[in-house]
Amino acid sequence: MAEMGLADRVRLIAGNYLEDELPGGADLAWISAIAHQNSRAENRRLFAAALRSLRPGGHIAVRDIVMDPSRTSPAAGSLFAVNMLVATAGGGTFTFEEMNADLEAAGFTEVTCARRDQGMNSIVTAMKPVHA
């Protein structure tokens, strides 16, 4: 970050995202390759915590696998869902519709799939309402 001249614009804070409150005043909450480890209920709590940490008009970006409604595509996501079934208490791969519902339940609006990828690099974005 220092080499790119961003060190004064980024603050890194250690913590447990399922237990600790996230710091406030952020413009962006970047949730990268985490959603698949959680149940939908855990993701709703995480998304709600991210919403609280954002300034009005701030954004969340969730980088993860995004499944088609059939849950058979992308193929890597289907196989990864089995891995999450075995390796986590409630994790899995989720469809855009599920992520949309979970982000909206947390209070976000304008949910979009900004990038679609066959692997872990799809990005779903949403906005904290300005009036919130």
C-alpha atoms as a PDB file:
ATOM      1  CA  MET A   1       0.000   0.000   0.000  1.00  0.00           C
ATOM      2  CA  ALA A   2       2.866   2.365   0.799  1.00  0.00           C
ATOM      3  CA  GLU A   3       4.471   1.745  -2.606  1.00  0.00           C
ATOM      4  CA  MET A   4       1.207   2.684  -4.308  1.00  0.00           C
ATOM      5  CA  GLY A   5       0.713   5.782  -2.156  1.00  0.00           C
ATOM      6  CA  LEU A   6      -2.364   4.420  -0.390  1.00  0.00           C
ATOM      7  CA  ALA A   7      -1.068   3.916   3.148  1.00  0.00           C
ATOM      8  CA  ASP A   8      -2.705   7.129   4.379  1.00  0.00           C
ATOM      9  CA  ARG A   9      -6.084   6.053   2.936  1.00  0.00           C
ATOM     10  CA  VAL A  10      -6.307   2.514   4.324  1.00  0.00           C
ATOM     11  CA  ARG A  11      -6.557   1.377   7.923  1.00  0.00           C
ATOM     12  CA  LEU A  12      -6.085  -2.283   8.858  1.00  0.00           C
ATOM     13  CA  ILE A  13      -7.587  -3.475  12.132  1.00  0.00           C
ATOM     14  CA  ALA A  14      -7.224  -6.963  13.604  1.00  0.00           C
ATOM     15  CA  GLY A  15     -10.286  -8.752  14.901  1.00  0.00           C
ATOM     16  CA  ASN A  16     -12.787 -11.571  14.566  1.00  0.00           C
ATOM     17  CA  TYR A  17     -15.409 -10.575  12.011  1.00  0.00           C
ATOM     18  CA  LEU A  18     -18.062 -12.778  13.658  1.00  0.00           C
ATOM     19  CA  GLU A  19     -17.499 -11.362  17.156  1.00  0.00           C
ATOM     20  CA  ASP A  20     -15.963  -7.889  16.990  1.00  0.00           C
ATOM     21  CA  GLU A  21     -17.743  -4.740  15.857  1.00  0.00           C
ATOM     22  CA  LEU A  22     -16.213  -3.323  12.695  1.00  0.00           C
ATOM     23  CA  PRO A  23     -14.804   0.211  12.865  1.00  0.00           C
ATOM     24  CA  GLY A  24     -17.093   2.966  11.615  1.00  0.00           C
ATOM     25  CA  GLY A  25     -16.848   5.591   8.894  1.00  0.00           C
ATOM     26  CA  ALA A  26     -15.752   3.312   6.060  1.00  0.00           C
ATOM     27  CA  ASP A  27     -16.433   4.011   2.392  1.00  0.00           C
ATOM     28  CA  LEU A  28     -16.097   0.351   1.383  1.00  0.00           C
ATOM     29  CA  ALA A  29     -16.442  -2.997   3.114  1.00  0.00           C
ATOM     30  CA  TRP A  30     -14.523  -5.642   1.137  1.00  0.00           C
ATOM     31  CA  ILE A  31     -15.724  -9.153   2.062  1.00  0.00           C
ATOM     32  CA  SER A  32     -13.319 -11.407   0.173  1.00  0.00           C
ATOM     33  CA  ALA A  33     -13.687 -15.202   0.002  1.00  0.00           C
ATOM     34  CA  ILE A  34     -15.498 -15.321   3.352  1.00  0.00           C
ATOM     35  CA  ALA A  35     -19.196 -15.766   2.553  1.00  0.00           C
ATOM     36  CA  HIS A  36     -18.794 -19.423   1.538  1.00  0.00           C
ATOM     37  CA  GLN A  37     -17.409 -20.300   4.991  1.00  0.00           C
ATOM     38  CA  ASN A  38     -20.561 -19.070   6.723  1.00  0.00           C
ATOM     39  CA  SER A  39     -24.194 -20.062   6.904  1.00  0.00           C
ATOM     40  CA  ARG A  40     -26.669 -17.590   5.444  1.00  0.00           C
ATOM     41  CA  ALA A  41     -27.570 -16.494   8.992  1.00  0.00           C
ATOM     42  CA  GLU A  42     -23.889 -15.791   9.737  1.00  0.00           C
ATOM     43  CA  ASN A  43     -23.577 -13.873   6.460  1.00  0.00           C
ATOM     44  CA  ARG A  44     -26.596 -11.756   7.365  1.00  0.00           C
ATOM     45  CA  ARG A  45     -24.922 -10.864  10.666  1.00  0.00           C
ATOM     46  CA  LEU A  46     -21.650 -10.084   8.861  1.00  0.00           C
ATOM     47  CA  PHE A  47     -23.436  -7.964   6.251  1.00  0.00           C
ATOM     48  CA  ALA A  48     -25.343  -6.110   9.006  1.00  0.00           C
ATOM     49  CA  ALA A  49     -22.040  -5.405  10.795  1.00  0.00           C
ATOM     50  CA  ALA A  50     -20.574  -4.126   7.524  1.00  0.00           C
ATOM     51  CA  LEU A  51     -23.621  -1.895   7.030  1.00  0.00           C
ATOM     52  CA  ARG A  52     -23.140  -0.375  10.489  1.00  0.00           C
ATOM     53  CA  SER A  53     -19.468   0.297   9.720  1.00  0.00           C
ATOM     54  CA  LEU A  54     -20.188   2.160   6.487  1.00  0.00           C
ATOM     55  CA  ARG A  55     -20.919   5.832   6.100  1.00  0.00           C
ATOM     56  CA  PRO A  56     -24.249   6.596   4.369  1.00  0.00           C
ATOM     57  CA  GLY A  57     -23.790   5.946   0.644  1.00  0.00           C
ATOM     58  CA  GLY A  58     -20.894   3.555   1.311  1.00  0.00           C
ATOM     59  CA  HIS A  59     -20.601   0.254  -0.519  1.00  0.00           C
ATOM     60  CA  ILE A  60     -20.018  -3.394   0.214  1.00  0.00           C
ATOM     61  CA  ALA A  61     -18.277  -5.704  -2.258  1.00  0.00           C
ATOM     62  CA  VAL A  62     -18.531  -9.450  -1.688  1.00  0.00           C
ATOM     63  CA  ARG A  63     -15.977 -11.534  -3.621  1.00  0.00           C
ATOM     64  CA  ASP A  64     -16.901 -15.206  -3.730  1.00  0.00           C
ATOM     65  CA  ILE A  65     -18.372 -17.951  -5.886  1.00  0.00           C
ATOM     66  CA  VAL A  66     -21.828 -17.037  -7.199  1.00  0.00           C
ATOM     67  CA  MET A  67     -23.913 -20.005  -8.276  1.00  0.00           C
ATOM     68  CA  ASP A  68     -26.551 -20.083 -11.001  1.00  0.00           C
ATOM     69  CA  PRO A  69     -30.093 -20.755  -9.750  1.00  0.00           C
ATOM     70  CA  SER A  70     -29.720 -24.430 -10.797  1.00  0.00           C
ATOM     71  CA  ARG A  71     -26.726 -24.761  -8.425  1.00  0.00           C
ATOM     72  CA  THR A  72     -24.957 -26.803 -11.106  1.00  0.00           C
ATOM     73  CA  SER A  73     -22.909 -23.953 -12.553  1.00  0.00           C
ATOM     74  CA  PRO A  74     -20.213 -22.990 -12.278  1.00  0.00           C
ATOM     75  CA  ALA A  75     -19.011 -26.578 -11.900  1.00  0.00           C
ATOM     76  CA  ALA A  76     -16.166 -25.537  -9.587  1.00  0.00           C
ATOM     77  CA  GLY A  77     -18.762 -23.959  -7.298  1.00  0.00           C
ATOM     78  CA  SER A  78     -20.778 -27.173  -7.145  1.00  0.00           C
ATOM     79  CA  LEU A  79     -17.691 -29.130  -6.121  1.00  0.00           C
ATOM     80  CA  PHE A  80     -16.691 -26.422  -3.666  1.00  0.00           C
ATOM     81  CA  ALA A  81     -20.145 -26.622  -2.042  1.00  0.00           C
ATOM     82  CA  VAL A  82     -19.427 -30.264  -1.192  1.00  0.00           C
ATOM     83  CA  ASN A  83     -16.126 -29.201   0.363  1.00  0.00           C
ATOM     84  CA  MET A  84     -17.947 -26.594   2.485  1.00  0.00           C
ATOM     85  CA  LEU A  85     -20.541 -29.190   3.522  1.00  0.00           C
ATOM     86  CA  VAL A  86     -17.753 -31.395   4.849  1.00  0.00           C
ATOM     87  CA  ALA A  87     -15.398 -28.726   6.228  1.00  0.00           C
ATOM     88  CA  THR A  88     -17.712 -26.128   7.812  1.00  0.00           C
ATOM     89  CA  ALA A  89     -20.678 -26.052  10.155  1.00  0.00           C
ATOM     90  CA  GLY A  90     -22.921 -24.156   7.748  1.00  0.00           C
ATOM     91  CA  GLY A  91     -20.931 -22.922   4.778  1.00  0.00           C
ATOM     92  CA  GLY A  92     -21.771 -23.417   1.138  1.00  0.00           C
ATOM     93  CA  THR A  93     -21.956 -21.672  -2.181  1.00  0.00           C
ATOM     94  CA  PHE A  94     -24.800 -19.277  -2.775  1.00  0.00           C
ATOM     95  CA  THR A  95     -26.798 -17.980  -5.702  1.00  0.00           C
ATOM     96  CA  PHE A  96     -27.021 -14.299  -6.567  1.00  0.00           C
ATOM     97  CA  GLU A  97     -30.650 -14.405  -5.445  1.00  0.00           C
ATOM     98  CA  GLU A  98     -29.612 -15.675  -2.002  1.00  0.00           C
ATOM     99  CA  MET A  99     -26.852 -13.103  -1.671  1.00  0.00           C
ATOM    100  CA  ASN A 100     -29.248 -10.383  -2.815  1.00  0.00           C
ATOM    101  CA  ALA A 101     -31.822 -11.439  -0.191  1.00  0.00           C
ATOM    102  CA  ASP A 102     -29.176 -11.568   2.554  1.00  0.00           C
ATOM    103  CA  LEU A 103     -27.728  -8.163   1.666  1.00  0.00           C
ATOM    104  CA  GLU A 104     -31.198  -6.613   1.498  1.00  0.00           C
ATOM    105  CA  ALA A 105     -32.129  -8.231   4.831  1.00  0.00           C
ATOM    106  CA  ALA A 106     -29.064  -6.516   6.321  1.00  0.00           C
ATOM    107  CA  GLY A 107     -30.285  -3.159   4.964  1.00  0.00           C
ATOM    108  CA  PHE A 108     -28.367  -2.769   1.699  1.00  0.00           C
ATOM    109  CA  THR A 109     -29.900  -1.535  -1.563  1.00  0.00           C
ATOM    110  CA  GLU A 110     -28.866  -1.554  -5.223  1.00  0.00           C
ATOM    111  CA  VAL A 111     -27.495  -5.097  -5.081  1.00  0.00           C
ATOM    112  CA  THR A 112     -25.802  -6.081  -8.350  1.00  0.00           C
ATOM    113  CA  CYS A 113     -23.518  -8.787  -9.633  1.00  0.00           C
ATOM    114  CA  ALA A 114     -20.726  -6.480 -10.777  1.00  0.00           C
ATOM    115  CA  ARG A 115     -18.483  -9.316 -11.997  1.00  0.00           C
ATOM    116  CA  ARG A 116     -19.372 -12.872 -12.916  1.00  0.00           C
ATOM    117  CA  ASP A 117     -16.588 -15.457 -12.793  1.00  0.00           C
ATOM    118  CA  GLN A 118     -16.437 -19.238 -13.002  1.00  0.00           C
ATOM    119  CA  GLY A 119     -14.400 -19.412  -9.804  1.00  0.00           C
ATOM    120  CA  MET A 120     -14.034 -17.466  -6.582  1.00  0.00           C
ATOM    121  CA  ASN A 121     -13.803 -14.071  -8.290  1.00  0.00           C
ATOM    122  CA  SER A 122     -17.412 -13.048  -8.787  1.00  0.00           C
ATOM    123  CA  ILE A 123     -18.193  -9.745  -7.078  1.00  0.00           C
ATOM    124  CA  VAL A 124     -21.575  -8.729  -5.702  1.00  0.00           C
ATOM    125  CA  THR A 125     -21.903  -5.079  -4.712  1.00  0.00           C
ATOM    126  CA  ALA A 126     -24.504  -3.117  -2.786  1.00  0.00           C
ATOM    127  CA  MET A 127     -24.954   0.313  -1.222  1.00  0.00           C
ATOM    128  CA  LYS A 128     -25.826   1.553   2.237  1.00  0.00           C
ATOM    129  CA  PRO A 129     -28.777   3.906   1.724  1.00  0.00           C
ATOM    130  CA  VAL A 130     -27.858   7.577   2.069  1.00  0.00           C
ATOM    131  CA  HIS A 131     -30.651   8.083   4.618  1.00  0.00           C
ATOM    132  CA  ALA A 132     -29.444   5.215   6.823  1.00  0.00           C
END
